[in-house]
N, C-alpha and C. Protein backbone atom coordinates (compact mmCIF):
# COMPACT_ATOMS: atom_id res chain seq x y z
N MET A 1 -89.93 48.38 -8.55
CA MET A 1 -88.76 48.12 -8.42
C MET A 1 -88.17 49.43 -9.74
N LEU A 2 -87.65 50.20 -8.88
CA LEU A 2 -86.69 50.73 -10.06
C LEU A 2 -85.04 50.48 -10.79
N PHE A 3 -85.23 50.61 -11.56
CA PHE A 3 -83.63 50.22 -12.03
C PHE A 3 -82.72 50.80 -13.92
N THR A 4 -81.45 51.14 -12.78
CA THR A 4 -81.02 51.81 -14.08
C THR A 4 -80.02 51.21 -14.44
N ILE A 5 -78.92 51.06 -15.54
CA ILE A 5 -78.28 50.62 -16.07
C ILE A 5 -77.14 52.71 -16.38
N SER A 6 -76.05 51.50 -16.18
CA SER A 6 -75.54 52.61 -17.36
C SER A 6 -73.76 52.54 -17.47
N GLY A 7 -73.30 52.87 -18.49
CA GLY A 7 -72.32 52.28 -18.52
C GLY A 7 -70.76 54.03 -18.50
N LYS A 8 -69.42 53.94 -18.31
CA LYS A 8 -68.20 53.96 -18.55
C LYS A 8 -67.80 53.40 -19.46
N HIS A 9 -67.01 54.34 -20.73
CA HIS A 9 -66.31 54.03 -21.68
C HIS A 9 -67.02 52.26 -22.03
N ILE A 10 -68.26 52.77 -22.42
CA ILE A 10 -68.42 51.33 -22.88
C ILE A 10 -69.78 51.42 -23.56
N GLU A 11 -70.53 51.44 -24.20
CA GLU A 11 -71.96 51.41 -24.65
C GLU A 11 -72.73 49.95 -24.28
N ILE A 12 -73.55 51.10 -23.92
CA ILE A 12 -75.06 50.13 -23.31
C ILE A 12 -75.92 49.63 -24.77
N THR A 13 -75.48 48.00 -25.12
CA THR A 13 -76.53 48.03 -25.67
C THR A 13 -77.51 47.53 -25.30
N GLU A 14 -79.11 47.29 -26.27
CA GLU A 14 -79.97 47.40 -25.58
C GLU A 14 -80.55 45.57 -25.20
N ALA A 15 -79.79 44.43 -25.06
CA ALA A 15 -78.97 42.97 -24.93
C ALA A 15 -79.00 43.29 -23.75
N ILE A 16 -77.88 43.60 -23.52
CA ILE A 16 -77.15 44.01 -22.12
C ILE A 16 -78.12 44.40 -21.02
N LYS A 17 -78.96 45.48 -21.52
CA LYS A 17 -79.77 46.43 -20.40
C LYS A 17 -80.52 45.11 -19.84
N ARG A 18 -81.44 44.88 -21.30
CA ARG A 18 -82.28 43.52 -21.43
C ARG A 18 -82.36 42.63 -19.52
N TYR A 19 -80.73 41.84 -20.14
CA TYR A 19 -79.50 40.81 -19.88
C TYR A 19 -79.73 41.34 -18.24
N ALA A 20 -79.10 42.55 -18.14
CA ALA A 20 -79.24 43.26 -16.95
C ALA A 20 -80.31 43.11 -15.90
N GLU A 21 -81.39 43.43 -16.59
CA GLU A 21 -82.97 43.61 -15.39
C GLU A 21 -83.37 42.50 -15.09
N GLU A 22 -82.95 41.49 -15.84
CA GLU A 22 -83.61 40.73 -16.22
C GLU A 22 -83.30 39.40 -15.02
N LYS A 23 -81.95 39.74 -14.63
CA LYS A 23 -80.89 39.06 -13.45
C LYS A 23 -81.54 39.66 -12.21
N THR A 24 -81.45 41.75 -12.40
CA THR A 24 -81.73 42.10 -11.23
C THR A 24 -83.49 41.97 -10.54
N SER A 25 -83.79 41.02 -11.64
CA SER A 25 -85.80 41.54 -11.36
C SER A 25 -85.57 40.58 -9.90
N LYS A 26 -85.43 39.59 -9.97
CA LYS A 26 -85.29 38.60 -9.48
C LYS A 26 -84.57 38.43 -7.82
N LEU A 27 -83.80 40.07 -7.56
CA LEU A 27 -83.39 40.66 -6.30
C LEU A 27 -84.42 40.60 -5.04
N PRO A 28 -85.79 40.88 -5.55
CA PRO A 28 -86.76 40.81 -4.27
C PRO A 28 -86.58 40.12 -3.88
N LYS A 29 -86.70 38.49 -4.28
CA LYS A 29 -87.32 37.09 -3.74
C LYS A 29 -86.67 36.94 -2.86
N TYR A 30 -85.26 37.76 -2.92
CA TYR A 30 -84.19 37.45 -1.92
C TYR A 30 -84.22 38.33 -0.22
N TYR A 31 -84.70 39.53 -1.70
CA TYR A 31 -85.21 40.51 0.57
C TYR A 31 -86.40 41.17 -0.42
N ASN A 32 -86.93 41.32 0.35
CA ASN A 32 -88.17 41.53 -0.10
C ASN A 32 -88.38 43.33 0.13
N SER A 33 -87.25 43.92 0.85
CA SER A 33 -86.79 45.92 0.78
C SER A 33 -86.60 45.84 -0.53
N ILE A 34 -85.97 45.87 -1.21
CA ILE A 34 -85.10 46.10 -2.83
C ILE A 34 -86.21 46.67 -3.08
N ASN A 35 -85.96 47.87 -3.54
CA ASN A 35 -86.31 49.37 -4.49
C ASN A 35 -86.02 49.91 -5.71
N GLN A 36 -84.66 49.42 -5.85
CA GLN A 36 -83.71 50.00 -6.05
C GLN A 36 -83.01 49.35 -6.78
N VAL A 37 -82.66 49.10 -7.88
CA VAL A 37 -81.55 48.32 -8.12
C VAL A 37 -80.27 49.54 -9.05
N GLU A 38 -79.92 49.55 -9.74
CA GLU A 38 -78.17 50.33 -10.29
C GLU A 38 -77.61 49.56 -10.71
N VAL A 39 -76.69 49.34 -11.68
CA VAL A 39 -76.25 48.90 -12.42
C VAL A 39 -75.16 49.41 -13.35
N ILE A 40 -73.72 49.75 -13.09
CA ILE A 40 -72.97 50.05 -13.64
C ILE A 40 -71.86 49.60 -14.11
N ILE A 41 -71.25 49.40 -15.78
CA ILE A 41 -70.44 48.79 -15.86
C ILE A 41 -69.60 49.33 -16.91
N ASP A 42 -67.96 49.62 -16.85
CA ASP A 42 -66.87 49.66 -17.13
C ASP A 42 -65.33 49.20 -17.94
N SER A 43 -65.10 49.70 -18.52
CA SER A 43 -64.40 48.68 -19.66
C SER A 43 -62.86 49.78 -19.37
N ASP A 44 -62.12 49.31 -19.20
CA ASP A 44 -60.92 49.19 -18.32
C ASP A 44 -59.53 49.30 -20.07
N LYS A 45 -58.82 49.95 -20.22
CA LYS A 45 -58.18 50.32 -20.66
C LYS A 45 -57.24 48.93 -21.43
N SER A 46 -58.07 47.96 -20.53
CA SER A 46 -56.93 46.21 -21.28
C SER A 46 -57.59 45.69 -21.39
N GLY A 47 -59.33 45.93 -21.60
CA GLY A 47 -60.59 45.33 -22.26
C GLY A 47 -61.19 44.51 -20.72
N ASN A 48 -60.75 44.31 -19.22
CA ASN A 48 -61.39 44.06 -18.68
C ASN A 48 -62.62 45.26 -18.54
N ILE A 49 -64.05 43.98 -17.87
CA ILE A 49 -65.66 44.93 -18.20
C ILE A 49 -65.47 44.69 -16.46
N SER A 50 -65.49 45.86 -15.48
CA SER A 50 -65.65 46.08 -13.96
C SER A 50 -67.89 46.23 -14.21
N THR A 51 -67.97 45.43 -13.30
CA THR A 51 -69.86 45.69 -12.77
C THR A 51 -69.98 45.73 -11.68
N GLU A 52 -69.97 47.18 -11.59
CA GLU A 52 -70.20 47.10 -9.51
C GLU A 52 -72.20 47.43 -9.72
N VAL A 53 -72.97 46.38 -9.02
CA VAL A 53 -74.76 45.84 -8.97
C VAL A 53 -74.83 46.49 -7.21
N ILE A 54 -75.94 48.34 -7.05
CA ILE A 54 -75.56 48.18 -5.43
C ILE A 54 -77.30 48.42 -6.03
N ALA A 55 -78.24 47.87 -5.09
CA ALA A 55 -79.33 47.25 -4.65
C ALA A 55 -79.00 48.41 -2.86
N ARG A 56 -80.27 48.68 -3.16
CA ARG A 56 -81.47 50.26 -2.10
C ARG A 56 -82.70 49.15 -2.02
N GLY A 57 -82.33 49.61 -0.77
CA GLY A 57 -83.56 49.48 0.06
C GLY A 57 -83.94 50.27 0.86
N GLU A 58 -85.01 49.13 2.04
CA GLU A 58 -85.39 50.51 2.88
C GLU A 58 -84.76 50.95 3.62
N HIS A 59 -84.77 52.28 3.77
CA HIS A 59 -84.75 52.36 5.67
C HIS A 59 -82.88 52.49 5.41
N ASN A 60 -82.86 52.94 4.43
CA ASN A 60 -81.24 53.24 3.89
C ASN A 60 -80.29 52.09 3.69
N LYS A 61 -80.52 50.76 3.76
CA LYS A 61 -79.73 49.90 3.58
C LYS A 61 -79.38 49.57 1.90
N ILE A 62 -78.21 49.76 2.09
CA ILE A 62 -77.52 49.41 0.72
C ILE A 62 -76.43 48.06 0.92
N PHE A 63 -76.72 47.88 -0.54
CA PHE A 63 -75.86 46.09 -1.06
C PHE A 63 -75.55 46.63 -2.10
N ILE A 64 -73.79 46.70 -2.17
CA ILE A 64 -73.18 47.23 -2.83
C ILE A 64 -71.95 45.77 -3.47
N VAL A 65 -71.66 45.79 -4.79
CA VAL A 65 -71.48 44.66 -4.70
C VAL A 65 -70.70 45.29 -6.52
N THR A 66 -68.57 44.52 -6.46
CA THR A 66 -68.30 44.78 -7.91
C THR A 66 -67.91 43.00 -8.31
N GLU A 67 -67.61 43.01 -9.74
CA GLU A 67 -66.99 42.29 -10.27
C GLU A 67 -65.90 42.23 -11.35
N ILE A 68 -65.21 41.66 -12.27
CA ILE A 68 -64.31 42.10 -12.96
C ILE A 68 -64.08 40.53 -13.41
N SER A 69 -64.03 40.97 -14.90
CA SER A 69 -63.91 39.93 -16.18
C SER A 69 -64.14 40.10 -17.40
N GLU A 70 -63.94 39.21 -18.62
CA GLU A 70 -63.48 39.82 -19.94
C GLU A 70 -65.22 40.20 -20.77
N ASP A 71 -65.79 39.46 -20.02
CA ASP A 71 -67.11 39.11 -19.89
C ASP A 71 -68.29 39.98 -19.39
N ALA A 72 -69.34 40.96 -19.86
CA ALA A 72 -70.07 41.43 -19.25
C ALA A 72 -71.54 40.67 -18.71
N TYR A 73 -71.78 39.90 -20.35
CA TYR A 73 -72.79 38.87 -18.76
C TYR A 73 -72.27 38.30 -18.63
N LYS A 74 -70.78 37.86 -18.07
CA LYS A 74 -70.24 36.72 -17.17
C LYS A 74 -70.05 37.48 -16.16
N CYS A 75 -69.35 38.93 -16.21
CA CYS A 75 -70.15 39.50 -14.56
C CYS A 75 -70.69 40.35 -14.13
N ILE A 76 -71.86 40.16 -15.40
CA ILE A 76 -73.63 40.69 -14.16
C ILE A 76 -73.71 39.69 -13.59
N ASP A 77 -73.79 38.52 -14.16
CA ASP A 77 -73.94 36.97 -13.60
C ASP A 77 -73.50 36.78 -12.68
N ILE A 78 -72.29 36.22 -12.05
CA ILE A 78 -71.22 37.24 -11.14
C ILE A 78 -71.58 37.62 -9.54
N ALA A 79 -71.26 39.24 -10.64
CA ALA A 79 -72.20 40.32 -9.12
C ALA A 79 -73.42 39.93 -9.09
N VAL A 80 -73.90 39.28 -9.86
CA VAL A 80 -75.70 39.20 -9.22
C VAL A 80 -76.05 38.19 -8.04
N HIS A 81 -75.00 37.09 -8.28
CA HIS A 81 -74.94 35.39 -7.45
C HIS A 81 -74.28 35.91 -6.38
N LYS A 82 -73.70 37.24 -6.51
CA LYS A 82 -72.96 37.42 -4.97
C LYS A 82 -73.56 38.41 -4.44
N LEU A 83 -74.87 39.14 -4.88
CA LEU A 83 -75.17 39.84 -4.22
C LEU A 83 -77.00 39.02 -3.77
N GLU A 84 -77.47 38.15 -3.80
CA GLU A 84 -78.53 36.64 -3.91
C GLU A 84 -77.63 36.61 -2.92
N ARG A 85 -76.58 36.59 -2.42
CA ARG A 85 -75.98 35.75 -0.99
C ARG A 85 -75.86 36.34 -0.73
N GLN A 86 -75.26 38.00 -0.49
CA GLN A 86 -75.33 39.01 0.46
C GLN A 86 -76.52 39.29 0.74
N LEU A 87 -77.95 38.56 -0.31
CA LEU A 87 -79.37 39.33 0.66
C LEU A 87 -79.86 38.51 1.36
N ARG A 88 -79.53 36.65 0.83
CA ARG A 88 -80.06 35.88 1.53
C ARG A 88 -79.65 35.88 3.41
N LYS A 89 -78.06 36.05 3.30
CA LYS A 89 -77.30 36.78 4.37
C LYS A 89 -77.79 37.28 5.10
N ARG A 90 -78.33 38.54 5.53
CA ARG A 90 -79.07 40.01 5.32
C ARG A 90 -79.99 39.45 6.29
N LYS A 91 -81.51 38.26 5.30
CA LYS A 91 -82.56 38.31 5.44
C LYS A 91 -82.84 36.81 6.71
N GLU A 92 -81.54 36.39 6.61
CA GLU A 92 -81.57 35.62 7.61
C GLU A 92 -80.92 35.86 9.34
N LYS A 93 -80.29 37.04 8.94
CA LYS A 93 -79.88 37.27 10.26
C LYS A 93 -80.81 38.08 10.40
N GLU A 94 -81.43 39.31 9.60
CA GLU A 94 -83.05 39.37 10.85
C GLU A 94 -83.79 38.76 10.84
N ARG A 95 -84.18 37.94 10.63
CA ARG A 95 -85.08 36.65 11.10
C ARG A 95 -84.56 35.51 12.61
N ASP A 96 -83.48 35.76 12.49
CA ASP A 96 -82.67 34.98 13.69
C ASP A 96 -82.91 35.98 14.74
N ASN A 97 -82.83 37.57 14.17
CA ASN A 97 -83.09 38.79 15.51
C ASN A 97 -84.40 38.74 15.94
N LYS A 98 -84.96 38.76 14.80
CA LYS A 98 -86.50 39.28 15.55
C LYS A 98 -87.27 37.71 15.80
N HIS A 99 -86.46 36.52 15.93
CA HIS A 99 -87.18 35.16 16.83
C HIS A 99 -86.30 35.26 18.29
N THR A 100 -85.48 35.72 18.51
CA THR A 100 -84.92 35.72 19.85
C THR A 100 -84.75 36.32 19.70
N GLY A 101 -86.01 36.59 21.35
CA GLY A 101 -86.54 37.39 22.34
C GLY A 101 -86.22 37.21 23.94
N GLY A 102 -86.25 38.18 24.58
CA GLY A 102 -85.93 38.21 25.86
C GLY A 102 -87.35 37.88 26.52
N ALA A 103 -86.68 36.79 28.13
CA ALA A 103 -87.84 36.69 28.84
C ALA A 103 -88.51 37.46 29.42
């Protein structure tokens, strides 16, 4: 799985990079076809941190989650949790469609 992290108006430390990579590495567990994850961390003038996590899968499936908080680690946690929920829901939907067949 390809992992990319970038920062806008904020310096991405090695600790944040490792933390984000560790958290997002578990995403294929929820949806098998994830092959690329991109994390974008942005800081505004008021000190809020916004984190955007973009997961790309096979067949042009894209999942995007955005979270805003005061702490980068908290942002990453919440964003990954939201994305896990999104992926789990998508996998259930695909599984249900696969098992409902015609007569």
